[in-house]
Amino acid sequence: MPTTTQANVNILLVFSTQPDRGALQAFEEDWYMRGPSEVPLTFHWQEGKRAEWSAALQEAHFDAVGELCEHWLSQGRIKKASLIEDSPAGLGRRWNLGPSRTST
């Protein structure tokens, strides 16, 4: 997990089926109910089964975001989730949740 006090993180989800606006909105609602509710979530794009949001997370928020993504994975709503730390040098870390869980 990041050692900085705050990191801009892109949250990329691969849905099981192509999401409609209702599915995208459901993730946003779950973010504020199950995730770090005090952290604003910004929607960026949706193409096919993929959608991306971003948020400025503190280290303490990563567990809540991971648990939210694990919940969606367990329900079959998504097939994969990636948290990608945005770094000006392009060296941000990446965490993948799903069939091939990795951390780099």
PDB file of N, CA and C in Angstrom:
ATOM      1  N   MET A   1       0.834  -1.177   0.000  1.00  0.00           N
ATOM      2  CA  MET A   1       0.000   0.000   0.000  1.00  0.00           C
ATOM      3  C   MET A   1       0.883   1.246   0.000  1.00  0.00           C
ATOM      4  N   PRO A   2       0.340   2.367  -0.482  1.00  0.00           N
ATOM      5  CA  PRO A   2       1.157   3.567  -0.560  1.00  0.00           C
ATOM      6  C   PRO A   2       1.668   4.015   0.803  1.00  0.00           C
ATOM      7  N   THR A   3       2.854   4.575   0.807  1.00  0.00           N
ATOM      8  CA  THR A   3       3.407   5.084   2.054  1.00  0.00           C
ATOM      9  C   THR A   3       3.171   6.587   2.171  1.00  0.00           C
ATOM     10  N   THR A   4       2.727   7.230   1.097  1.00  0.00           N
ATOM     11  CA  THR A   4       2.429   8.649   1.146  1.00  0.00           C
ATOM     12  C   THR A   4       1.129   8.860   1.909  1.00  0.00           C
ATOM     13  N   THR A   5       0.902  10.081   2.381  1.00  0.00           N
ATOM     14  CA  THR A   5      -0.317  10.340   3.134  1.00  0.00           C
ATOM     15  C   THR A   5      -1.544  10.316   2.233  1.00  0.00           C
ATOM     16  N   GLN A   6      -1.372  10.672   0.960  1.00  0.00           N
ATOM     17  CA  GLN A   6      -2.503  10.648   0.037  1.00  0.00           C
ATOM     18  C   GLN A   6      -1.995  10.308  -1.348  1.00  0.00           C
ATOM     19  N   ALA A   7      -2.751   9.504  -2.068  1.00  0.00           N
ATOM     20  CA  ALA A   7      -2.387   9.118  -3.432  1.00  0.00           C
ATOM     21  C   ALA A   7      -3.618   9.223  -4.321  1.00  0.00           C
ATOM     22  N   ASN A   8      -3.428   9.753  -5.513  1.00  0.00           N
ATOM     23  CA  ASN A   8      -4.493   9.733  -6.500  1.00  0.00           C
ATOM     24  C   ASN A   8      -4.503   8.346  -7.109  1.00  0.00           C
ATOM     25  N   VAL A   9      -5.653   7.698  -7.056  1.00  0.00           N
ATOM     26  CA  VAL A   9      -5.766   6.312  -7.487  1.00  0.00           C
ATOM     27  C   VAL A   9      -6.887   6.189  -8.505  1.00  0.00           C
ATOM     28  N   ASN A  10      -6.583   5.500  -9.604  1.00  0.00           N
ATOM     29  CA  ASN A  10      -7.608   5.169 -10.592  1.00  0.00           C
ATOM     30  C   ASN A  10      -8.142   3.794 -10.243  1.00  0.00           C
ATOM     31  N   ILE A  11      -9.461   3.656 -10.277  1.00  0.00           N
ATOM     32  CA  ILE A  11     -10.126   2.401  -9.960  1.00  0.00           C
ATOM     33  C   ILE A  11     -10.751   1.898 -11.254  1.00  0.00           C
ATOM     34  N   LEU A  12     -10.180   0.836 -11.808  1.00  0.00           N
ATOM     35  CA  LEU A  12     -10.651   0.264 -13.060  1.00  0.00           C
ATOM     36  C   LEU A  12     -11.385  -1.033 -12.753  1.00  0.00           C
ATOM     37  N   LEU A  13     -12.639  -1.112 -13.175  1.00  0.00           N
ATOM     38  CA  LEU A  13     -13.441  -2.320 -12.966  1.00  0.00           C
ATOM     39  C   LEU A  13     -13.751  -2.958 -14.311  1.00  0.00           C
ATOM     40  N   VAL A  14     -13.684  -4.276 -14.355  1.00  0.00           N
ATOM     41  CA  VAL A  14     -14.134  -5.041 -15.512  1.00  0.00           C
ATOM     42  C   VAL A  14     -15.392  -5.765 -15.063  1.00  0.00           C
ATOM     43  N   PHE A  15     -16.526  -5.335 -15.597  1.00  0.00           N
ATOM     44  CA  PHE A  15     -17.820  -5.905 -15.220  1.00  0.00           C
ATOM     45  C   PHE A  15     -18.028  -7.255 -15.884  1.00  0.00           C
ATOM     46  N   SER A  16     -18.887  -8.072 -15.311  1.00  0.00           N
ATOM     47  CA  SER A  16     -19.208  -9.385 -15.875  1.00  0.00           C
ATOM     48  C   SER A  16     -20.004  -9.244 -17.166  1.00  0.00           C
ATOM     49  N   THR A  17     -20.860  -8.243 -17.233  1.00  0.00           N
ATOM     50  CA  THR A  17     -21.614  -7.920 -18.444  1.00  0.00           C
ATOM     51  C   THR A  17     -21.475  -6.419 -18.671  1.00  0.00           C
ATOM     52  N   GLN A  18     -21.787  -5.970 -19.866  1.00  0.00           N
ATOM     53  CA  GLN A  18     -21.668  -4.536 -20.135  1.00  0.00           C
ATOM     54  C   GLN A  18     -22.601  -3.780 -19.201  1.00  0.00           C
ATOM     55  N   PRO A  19     -22.043  -2.876 -18.385  1.00  0.00           N
ATOM     56  CA  PRO A  19     -22.877  -2.183 -17.397  1.00  0.00           C
ATOM     57  C   PRO A  19     -23.720  -1.079 -18.024  1.00  0.00           C
ATOM     58  N   ASP A  20     -24.917  -0.948 -17.501  1.00  0.00           N
ATOM     59  CA  ASP A  20     -25.727   0.208 -17.871  1.00  0.00           C
ATOM     60  C   ASP A  20     -25.504   1.278 -16.808  1.00  0.00           C
ATOM     61  N   ARG A  21     -26.139   2.413 -16.956  1.00  0.00           N
ATOM     62  CA  ARG A  21     -25.947   3.505 -16.002  1.00  0.00           C
ATOM     63  C   ARG A  21     -26.339   3.075 -14.590  1.00  0.00           C
ATOM     64  N   GLY A  22     -27.341   2.204 -14.483  1.00  0.00           N
ATOM     65  CA  GLY A  22     -27.767   1.721 -13.168  1.00  0.00           C
ATOM     66  C   GLY A  22     -26.669   0.956 -12.449  1.00  0.00           C
ATOM     67  N   ALA A  23     -25.915   0.127 -13.196  1.00  0.00           N
ATOM     68  CA  ALA A  23     -24.821  -0.639 -12.587  1.00  0.00           C
ATOM     69  C   ALA A  23     -23.689   0.293 -12.158  1.00  0.00           C
ATOM     70  N   LEU A  24     -23.393   1.292 -12.990  1.00  0.00           N
ATOM     71  CA  LEU A  24     -22.348   2.258 -12.637  1.00  0.00           C
ATOM     72  C   LEU A  24     -22.754   3.050 -11.401  1.00  0.00           C
ATOM     73  N   GLN A  25     -24.005   3.449 -11.363  1.00  0.00           N
ATOM     74  CA  GLN A  25     -24.514   4.199 -10.215  1.00  0.00           C
ATOM     75  C   GLN A  25     -24.514   3.329  -8.957  1.00  0.00           C
ATOM     76  N   ALA A  26     -24.802   2.044  -9.111  1.00  0.00           N
ATOM     77  CA  ALA A  26     -24.805   1.135  -7.959  1.00  0.00           C
ATOM     78  C   ALA A  26     -23.411   1.053  -7.341  1.00  0.00           C
ATOM     79  N   PHE A  27     -22.357   1.027  -8.173  1.00  0.00           N
ATOM     80  CA  PHE A  27     -21.005   1.018  -7.620  1.00  0.00           C
ATOM     81  C   PHE A  27     -20.745   2.303  -6.841  1.00  0.00           C
ATOM     82  N   GLU A  28     -21.157   3.433  -7.401  1.00  0.00           N
ATOM     83  CA  GLU A  28     -20.959   4.717  -6.721  1.00  0.00           C
ATOM     84  C   GLU A  28     -21.723   4.751  -5.395  1.00  0.00           C
ATOM     85  N   GLU A  29     -22.926   4.225  -5.376  1.00  0.00           N
ATOM     86  CA  GLU A  29     -23.698   4.185  -4.128  1.00  0.00           C
ATOM     87  C   GLU A  29     -23.019   3.284  -3.102  1.00  0.00           C
ATOM     88  N   ASP A  30     -22.519   2.123  -3.559  1.00  0.00           N
ATOM     89  CA  ASP A  30     -21.802   1.224  -2.651  1.00  0.00           C
ATOM     90  C   ASP A  30     -20.528   1.863  -2.124  1.00  0.00           C
ATOM     91  N   TRP A  31     -19.874   2.672  -2.953  1.00  0.00           N
ATOM     92  CA  TRP A  31     -18.660   3.382  -2.524  1.00  0.00           C
ATOM     93  C   TRP A  31     -18.953   4.190  -1.261  1.00  0.00           C
ATOM     94  N   TYR A  32     -20.072   4.902  -1.276  1.00  0.00           N
ATOM     95  CA  TYR A  32     -20.409   5.764  -0.137  1.00  0.00           C
ATOM     96  C   TYR A  32     -21.035   4.989   1.019  1.00  0.00           C
ATOM     97  N   MET A  33     -21.540   3.776   0.774  1.00  0.00           N
ATOM     98  CA  MET A  33     -22.116   2.965   1.850  1.00  0.00           C
ATOM     99  C   MET A  33     -21.089   2.023   2.469  1.00  0.00           C
ATOM    100  N   ARG A  34     -20.234   1.387   1.635  1.00  0.00           N
ATOM    101  CA  ARG A  34     -19.297   0.370   2.107  1.00  0.00           C
ATOM    102  C   ARG A  34     -17.845   0.822   2.072  1.00  0.00           C
ATOM    103  N   GLY A  35     -17.539   1.750   1.184  1.00  0.00           N
ATOM    104  CA  GLY A  35     -16.159   2.195   0.990  1.00  0.00           C
ATOM    105  C   GLY A  35     -15.833   3.391   1.871  1.00  0.00           C
ATOM    106  N   PRO A  36     -14.818   4.146   1.470  1.00  0.00           N
ATOM    107  CA  PRO A  36     -14.433   5.337   2.247  1.00  0.00           C
ATOM    108  C   PRO A  36     -15.390   6.497   1.925  1.00  0.00           C
ATOM    109  N   SER A  37     -16.511   6.531   2.624  1.00  0.00           N
ATOM    110  CA  SER A  37     -17.602   7.459   2.302  1.00  0.00           C
ATOM    111  C   SER A  37     -17.200   8.927   2.316  1.00  0.00           C
ATOM    112  N   GLU A  38     -16.149   9.267   3.049  1.00  0.00           N
ATOM    113  CA  GLU A  38     -15.734  10.670   3.116  1.00  0.00           C
ATOM    114  C   GLU A  38     -14.877  11.091   1.919  1.00  0.00           C
ATOM    115  N   VAL A  39     -14.525  10.142   1.047  1.00  0.00           N
ATOM    116  CA  VAL A  39     -13.665  10.421  -0.102  1.00  0.00           C
ATOM    117  C   VAL A  39     -14.510  10.516  -1.368  1.00  0.00           C
ATOM    118  N   PRO A  40     -14.483  11.676  -2.038  1.00  0.00           N
ATOM    119  CA  PRO A  40     -15.247  11.802  -3.291  1.00  0.00           C
ATOM    120  C   PRO A  40     -14.725  10.838  -4.364  1.00  0.00           C
ATOM    121  N   LEU A  41     -15.649  10.250  -5.094  1.00  0.00           N
ATOM    122  CA  LEU A  41     -15.344   9.340  -6.184  1.00  0.00           C
ATOM    123  C   LEU A  41     -15.714  10.042  -7.482  1.00  0.00           C
ATOM    124  N   THR A  42     -14.806  10.059  -8.448  1.00  0.00           N
ATOM    125  CA  THR A  42     -15.043  10.745  -9.717  1.00  0.00           C
ATOM    126  C   THR A  42     -15.101   9.726 -10.852  1.00  0.00           C
ATOM    127  N   PHE A  43     -16.219   9.715 -11.579  1.00  0.00           N
ATOM    128  CA  PHE A  43     -16.381   8.819 -12.733  1.00  0.00           C
ATOM    129  C   PHE A  43     -15.654   9.422 -13.925  1.00  0.00           C
ATOM    130  N   HIS A  44     -14.909   8.590 -14.678  1.00  0.00           N
ATOM    131  CA  HIS A  44     -14.182   9.084 -15.850  1.00  0.00           C
ATOM    132  C   HIS A  44     -14.748   8.558 -17.161  1.00  0.00           C
ATOM    133  N   TRP A  45     -14.877   7.235 -17.297  1.00  0.00           N
ATOM    134  CA  TRP A  45     -15.343   6.686 -18.565  1.00  0.00           C
ATOM    135  C   TRP A  45     -15.852   5.259 -18.401  1.00  0.00           C
ATOM    136  N   GLN A  46     -16.611   4.834 -19.405  1.00  0.00           N
ATOM    137  CA  GLN A  46     -17.079   3.455 -19.501  1.00  0.00           C
ATOM    138  C   GLN A  46     -17.026   3.079 -20.974  1.00  0.00           C
ATOM    139  N   GLU A  47     -16.406   1.938 -21.266  1.00  0.00           N
ATOM    140  CA  GLU A  47     -16.322   1.433 -22.632  1.00  0.00           C
ATOM    141  C   GLU A  47     -16.455  -0.083 -22.580  1.00  0.00           C
ATOM    142  N   GLY A  48     -17.466  -0.606 -23.226  1.00  0.00           N
ATOM    143  CA  GLY A  48     -17.706  -2.044 -23.152  1.00  0.00           C
ATOM    144  C   GLY A  48     -17.945  -2.458 -21.709  1.00  0.00           C
ATOM    145  N   LYS A  49     -17.198  -3.467 -21.235  1.00  0.00           N
ATOM    146  CA  LYS A  49     -17.355  -3.965 -19.868  1.00  0.00           C
ATOM    147  C   LYS A  49     -16.462  -3.234 -18.871  1.00  0.00           C
ATOM    148  N   ARG A  50     -15.675  -2.274 -19.323  1.00  0.00           N
ATOM    149  CA  ARG A  50     -14.726  -1.571 -18.450  1.00  0.00           C
ATOM    150  C   ARG A  50     -15.236  -0.188 -18.067  1.00  0.00           C
ATOM    151  N   ALA A  51     -14.934   0.187 -16.840  1.00  0.00           N
ATOM    152  CA  ALA A  51     -15.292   1.528 -16.368  1.00  0.00           C
ATOM    153  C   ALA A  51     -14.198   1.989 -15.410  1.00  0.00           C
ATOM    154  N   GLU A  52     -13.981   3.306 -15.371  1.00  0.00           N
ATOM    155  CA  GLU A  52     -12.922   3.833 -14.510  1.00  0.00           C
ATOM    156  C   GLU A  52     -13.401   5.037 -13.713  1.00  0.00           C
ATOM    157  N   TRP A  53     -12.992   5.038 -12.445  1.00  0.00           N
ATOM    158  CA  TRP A  53     -13.211   6.139 -11.529  1.00  0.00           C
ATOM    159  C   TRP A  53     -11.854   6.538 -10.950  1.00  0.00           C
ATOM    160  N   SER A  54     -11.824   7.645 -10.233  1.00  0.00           N
ATOM    161  CA  SER A  54     -10.613   7.995  -9.490  1.00  0.00           C
ATOM    162  C   SER A  54     -11.017   8.593  -8.148  1.00  0.00           C
ATOM    163  N   ALA A  55     -10.051   8.537  -7.220  1.00  0.00           N
ATOM    164  CA  ALA A  55     -10.261   9.087  -5.881  1.00  0.00           C
ATOM    165  C   ALA A  55      -8.890   9.387  -5.279  1.00  0.00           C
ATOM    166  N   ALA A  56      -8.858  10.374  -4.398  1.00  0.00           N
ATOM    167  CA  ALA A  56      -7.635  10.686  -3.650  1.00  0.00           C
ATOM    168  C   ALA A  56      -7.702   9.926  -2.334  1.00  0.00           C
ATOM    169  N   LEU A  57      -6.942   8.842  -2.243  1.00  0.00           N
ATOM    170  CA  LEU A  57      -7.023   7.952  -1.093  1.00  0.00           C
ATOM    171  C   LEU A  57      -5.848   8.122  -0.152  1.00  0.00           C
ATOM    172  N   GLN A  58      -6.147   8.000   1.120  1.00  0.00           N
ATOM    173  CA  GLN A  58      -5.096   7.904   2.122  1.00  0.00           C
ATOM    174  C   GLN A  58      -4.853   6.420   2.361  1.00  0.00           C
ATOM    175  N   GLU A  59      -3.713   6.095   2.935  1.00  0.00           N
ATOM    176  CA  GLU A  59      -3.350   4.686   3.145  1.00  0.00           C
ATOM    177  C   GLU A  59      -4.453   3.927   3.879  1.00  0.00           C
ATOM    178  N   ALA A  60      -5.090   4.558   4.835  1.00  0.00           N
ATOM    179  CA  ALA A  60      -6.139   3.908   5.628  1.00  0.00           C
ATOM    180  C   ALA A  60      -7.365   3.531   4.790  1.00  0.00           C
ATOM    181  N   HIS A  61      -7.543   4.137   3.612  1.00  0.00           N
ATOM    182  CA  HIS A  61      -8.716   3.868   2.775  1.00  0.00           C
ATOM    183  C   HIS A  61      -8.570   2.615   1.927  1.00  0.00           C
ATOM    184  N   PHE A  62      -7.331   2.157   1.708  1.00  0.00           N
ATOM    185  CA  PHE A  62      -7.128   1.065   0.762  1.00  0.00           C
ATOM    186  C   PHE A  62      -7.843  -0.214   1.185  1.00  0.00           C
ATOM    187  N   ASP A  63      -7.878  -0.524   2.464  1.00  0.00           N
ATOM    188  CA  ASP A  63      -8.586  -1.728   2.914  1.00  0.00           C
ATOM    189  C   ASP A  63     -10.069  -1.646   2.588  1.00  0.00           C
ATOM    190  N   ALA A  64     -10.682  -0.486   2.816  1.00  0.00           N
ATOM    191  CA  ALA A  64     -12.113  -0.325   2.540  1.00  0.00           C
ATOM    192  C   ALA A  64     -12.399  -0.469   1.047  1.00  0.00           C
ATOM    193  N   VAL A  65     -11.543   0.086   0.208  1.00  0.00           N
ATOM    194  CA  VAL A  65     -11.740  -0.035  -1.238  1.00  0.00           C
ATOM    195  C   VAL A  65     -11.551  -1.494  -1.664  1.00  0.00           C
ATOM    196  N   GLY A  66     -10.540  -2.152  -1.114  1.00  0.00           N
ATOM    197  CA  GLY A  66     -10.324  -3.565  -1.416  1.00  0.00           C
ATOM    198  C   GLY A  66     -11.506  -4.422  -1.008  1.00  0.00           C
ATOM    199  N   GLU A  67     -12.065  -4.165   0.165  1.00  0.00           N
ATOM    200  CA  GLU A  67     -13.226  -4.921   0.639  1.00  0.00           C
ATOM    201  C   GLU A  67     -14.441  -4.672  -0.251  1.00  0.00           C
ATOM    202  N   LEU A  68     -14.628  -3.439  -0.699  1.00  0.00           N
ATOM    203  CA  LEU A  68     -15.734  -3.130  -1.598  1.00  0.00           C
ATOM    204  C   LEU A  68     -15.574  -3.898  -2.910  1.00  0.00           C
ATOM    205  N   CYS A  69     -14.384  -3.888  -3.483  1.00  0.00           N
ATOM    206  CA  CYS A  69     -14.153  -4.609  -4.733  1.00  0.00           C
ATOM    207  C   CYS A  69     -14.303  -6.115  -4.529  1.00  0.00           C
ATOM    208  N   GLU A  70     -13.807  -6.640  -3.409  1.00  0.00           N
ATOM    209  CA  GLU A  70     -13.968  -8.069  -3.106  1.00  0.00           C
ATOM    210  C   GLU A  70     -15.454  -8.436  -2.995  1.00  0.00           C
ATOM    211  N   HIS A  71     -16.246  -7.551  -2.413  1.00  0.00           N
ATOM    212  CA  HIS A  71     -17.694  -7.774  -2.299  1.00  0.00           C
ATOM    213  C   HIS A  71     -18.323  -7.881  -3.693  1.00  0.00           C
ATOM    214  N   TRP A  72     -17.963  -6.970  -4.579  1.00  0.00           N
ATOM    215  CA  TRP A  72     -18.506  -6.999  -5.943  1.00  0.00           C
ATOM    216  C   TRP A  72     -18.022  -8.234  -6.699  1.00  0.00           C
ATOM    217  N   LEU A  73     -16.766  -8.633  -6.476  1.00  0.00           N
ATOM    218  CA  LEU A  73     -16.253  -9.859  -7.097  1.00  0.00           C
ATOM    219  C   LEU A  73     -17.036 -11.078  -6.609  1.00  0.00           C
ATOM    220  N   SER A  74     -17.279 -11.158  -5.307  1.00  0.00           N
ATOM    221  CA  SER A  74     -17.975 -12.317  -4.731  1.00  0.00           C
ATOM    222  C   SER A  74     -19.413 -12.410  -5.224  1.00  0.00           C
ATOM    223  N   GLN A  75     -20.005 -11.279  -5.576  1.00  0.00           N
ATOM    224  CA  GLN A  75     -21.381 -11.275  -6.094  1.00  0.00           C
ATOM    225  C   GLN A  75     -21.435 -11.557  -7.592  1.00  0.00           C
ATOM    226  N   GLY A  76     -20.261 -11.587  -8.233  1.00  0.00           N
ATOM    227  CA  GLY A  76     -20.224 -11.822  -9.672  1.00  0.00           C
ATOM    228  C   GLY A  76     -20.537 -10.592 -10.504  1.00  0.00           C
ATOM    229  N   ARG A  77     -20.602  -9.429  -9.875  1.00  0.00           N
ATOM    230  CA  ARG A  77     -20.915  -8.199 -10.604  1.00  0.00           C
ATOM    231  C   ARG A  77     -19.738  -7.724 -11.441  1.00  0.00           C
ATOM    232  N   ILE A  78     -18.520  -7.991 -10.950  1.00  0.00           N
ATOM    233  CA  ILE A  78     -17.317  -7.654 -11.701  1.00  0.00           C
ATOM    234  C   ILE A  78     -16.426  -8.887 -11.790  1.00  0.00           C
ATOM    235  N   LYS A  79     -15.555  -8.899 -12.819  1.00  0.00           N
ATOM    236  CA  LYS A  79     -14.601  -9.997 -12.986  1.00  0.00           C
ATOM    237  C   LYS A  79     -13.213  -9.606 -12.490  1.00  0.00           C
ATOM    238  N   LYS A  80     -12.938  -8.315 -12.448  1.00  0.00           N
ATOM    239  CA  LYS A  80     -11.611  -7.857 -12.061  1.00  0.00           C
ATOM    240  C   LYS A  80     -11.688  -6.403 -11.609  1.00  0.00           C
ATOM    241  N   ALA A  81     -10.818  -6.060 -10.674  1.00  0.00           N
ATOM    242  CA  ALA A  81     -10.686  -4.673 -10.230  1.00  0.00           C
ATOM    243  C   ALA A  81      -9.199  -4.360 -10.150  1.00  0.00           C
ATOM    244  N   SER A  82      -8.828  -3.187 -10.617  1.00  0.00           N
ATOM    245  CA  SER A  82      -7.439  -2.729 -10.522  1.00  0.00           C
ATOM    246  C   SER A  82      -7.421  -1.366  -9.866  1.00  0.00           C
ATOM    247  N   LEU A  83      -6.530  -1.210  -8.895  1.00  0.00           N
ATOM    248  CA  LEU A  83      -6.281   0.086  -8.280  1.00  0.00           C
ATOM    249  C   LEU A  83      -4.914   0.524  -8.780  1.00  0.00           C
ATOM    250  N   ILE A  84      -4.868   1.665  -9.456  1.00  0.00           N
ATOM    251  CA  ILE A  84      -3.644   2.117 -10.084  1.00  0.00           C
ATOM    252  C   ILE A  84      -3.275   3.478  -9.508  1.00  0.00           C
ATOM    253  N   GLU A  85      -2.166   3.517  -8.800  1.00  0.00           N
ATOM    254  CA  GLU A  85      -1.704   4.761  -8.189  1.00  0.00           C
ATOM    255  C   GLU A  85      -1.164   5.669  -9.282  1.00  0.00           C
ATOM    256  N   ASP A  86      -1.699   6.885  -9.356  1.00  0.00           N
ATOM    257  CA  ASP A  86      -1.284   7.864 -10.351  1.00  0.00           C
ATOM    258  C   ASP A  86      -0.016   8.543  -9.856  1.00  0.00           C
ATOM    259  N   SER A  87       1.032   8.466 -10.651  1.00  0.00           N
ATOM    260  CA  SER A  87       2.314   9.044 -10.262  1.00  0.00           C
ATOM    261  C   SER A  87       2.815   9.943 -11.381  1.00  0.00           C
ATOM    262  N   PRO A  88       3.277  11.158 -11.055  1.00  0.00           N
ATOM    263  CA  PRO A  88       3.795  12.056 -12.094  1.00  0.00           C
ATOM    264  C   PRO A  88       4.942  11.432 -12.887  1.00  0.00           C
ATOM    265  N   ALA A  89       5.718  10.585 -12.253  1.00  0.00           N
ATOM    266  CA  ALA A  89       6.846   9.936 -12.926  1.00  0.00           C
ATOM    267  C   ALA A  89       6.399   8.697 -13.705  1.00  0.00           C
ATOM    268  N   GLY A  90       5.120   8.342 -13.620  1.00  0.00           N
ATOM    269  CA  GLY A  90       4.616   7.170 -14.311  1.00  0.00           C
ATOM    270  C   GLY A  90       5.009   5.862 -13.653  1.00  0.00           C
ATOM    271  N   LEU A  91       5.420   5.905 -12.400  1.00  0.00           N
ATOM    272  CA  LEU A  91       5.877   4.711 -11.698  1.00  0.00           C
ATOM    273  C   LEU A  91       4.900   4.287 -10.610  1.00  0.00           C
ATOM    274  N   GLY A  92       3.638   4.629 -10.768  1.00  0.00           N
ATOM    275  CA  GLY A  92       2.645   4.305  -9.757  1.00  0.00           C
ATOM    276  C   GLY A  92       2.477   2.814  -9.572  1.00  0.00           C
ATOM    277  N   ARG A  93       2.124   2.441  -8.370  1.00  0.00           N
ATOM    278  CA  ARG A  93       1.894   1.036  -8.063  1.00  0.00           C
ATOM    279  C   ARG A  93       0.512   0.607  -8.509  1.00  0.00           C
ATOM    280  N   ARG A  94       0.347  -0.703  -8.689  1.00  0.00           N
ATOM    281  CA  ARG A  94      -0.917  -1.255  -9.182  1.00  0.00           C
ATOM    282  C   ARG A  94      -1.274  -2.485  -8.363  1.00  0.00           C
ATOM    283  N   TRP A  95      -2.534  -2.579  -7.988  1.00  0.00           N
ATOM    284  CA  TRP A  95      -3.054  -3.739  -7.277  1.00  0.00           C
ATOM    285  C   TRP A  95      -4.187  -4.309  -8.113  1.00  0.00           C
ATOM    286  N   ASN A  96      -4.135  -5.600  -8.390  1.00  0.00           N
ATOM    287  CA  ASN A  96      -5.185  -6.269  -9.152  1.00  0.00           C
ATOM    288  C   ASN A  96      -5.944  -7.208  -8.229  1.00  0.00           C
ATOM    289  N   LEU A  97      -7.250  -7.125  -8.267  1.00  0.00           N
ATOM    290  CA  LEU A  97      -8.122  -8.010  -7.506  1.00  0.00           C
ATOM    291  C   LEU A  97      -8.952  -8.796  -8.492  1.00  0.00           C
ATOM    292  N   GLY A  98      -8.999 -10.076  -8.318  1.00  0.00           N
ATOM    293  CA  GLY A  98      -9.748 -10.920  -9.224  1.00  0.00           C
ATOM    294  C   GLY A  98      -9.005 -12.223  -9.414  1.00  0.00           C
ATOM    295  N   PRO A  99      -9.191 -12.884 -10.562  1.00  0.00           N
ATOM    296  CA  PRO A  99      -8.567 -14.183 -10.761  1.00  0.00           C
ATOM    297  C   PRO A  99      -7.039 -14.182 -10.598  1.00  0.00           C
ATOM    298  N   SER A 100      -6.384 -13.110 -11.017  1.00  0.00           N
ATOM    299  CA  SER A 100      -4.921 -13.054 -10.869  1.00  0.00           C
ATOM    300  C   SER A 100      -4.564 -11.860  -9.999  1.00  0.00           C
ATOM    301  N   ARG A 101      -4.601 -12.052  -8.691  1.00  0.00           N
ATOM    302  CA  ARG A 101      -4.326 -10.987  -7.743  1.00  0.00           C
ATOM    303  C   ARG A 101      -2.830 -10.696  -7.713  1.00  0.00           C
ATOM    304  N   THR A 102      -2.487  -9.440  -7.921  1.00  0.00           N
ATOM    305  CA  THR A 102      -1.076  -9.061  -7.906  1.00  0.00           C
ATOM    306  C   THR A 102      -0.929  -7.696  -7.272  1.00  0.00           C
ATOM    307  N   SER A 103       0.281  -7.402  -6.892  1.00  0.00           N
ATOM    308  CA  SER A 103       0.640  -6.087  -6.382  1.00  0.00           C
ATOM    309  C   SER A 103       2.019  -5.765  -6.896  1.00  0.00           C
ATOM    310  N   THR A 104       2.160  -4.607  -7.532  1.00  0.00           N
ATOM    311  CA  THR A 104       3.468  -4.209  -8.051  1.00  0.00           C
ATOM    312  C   THR A 104       3.832  -2.830  -7.555  1.00  0.00           C
TER     313      THR A 104
END
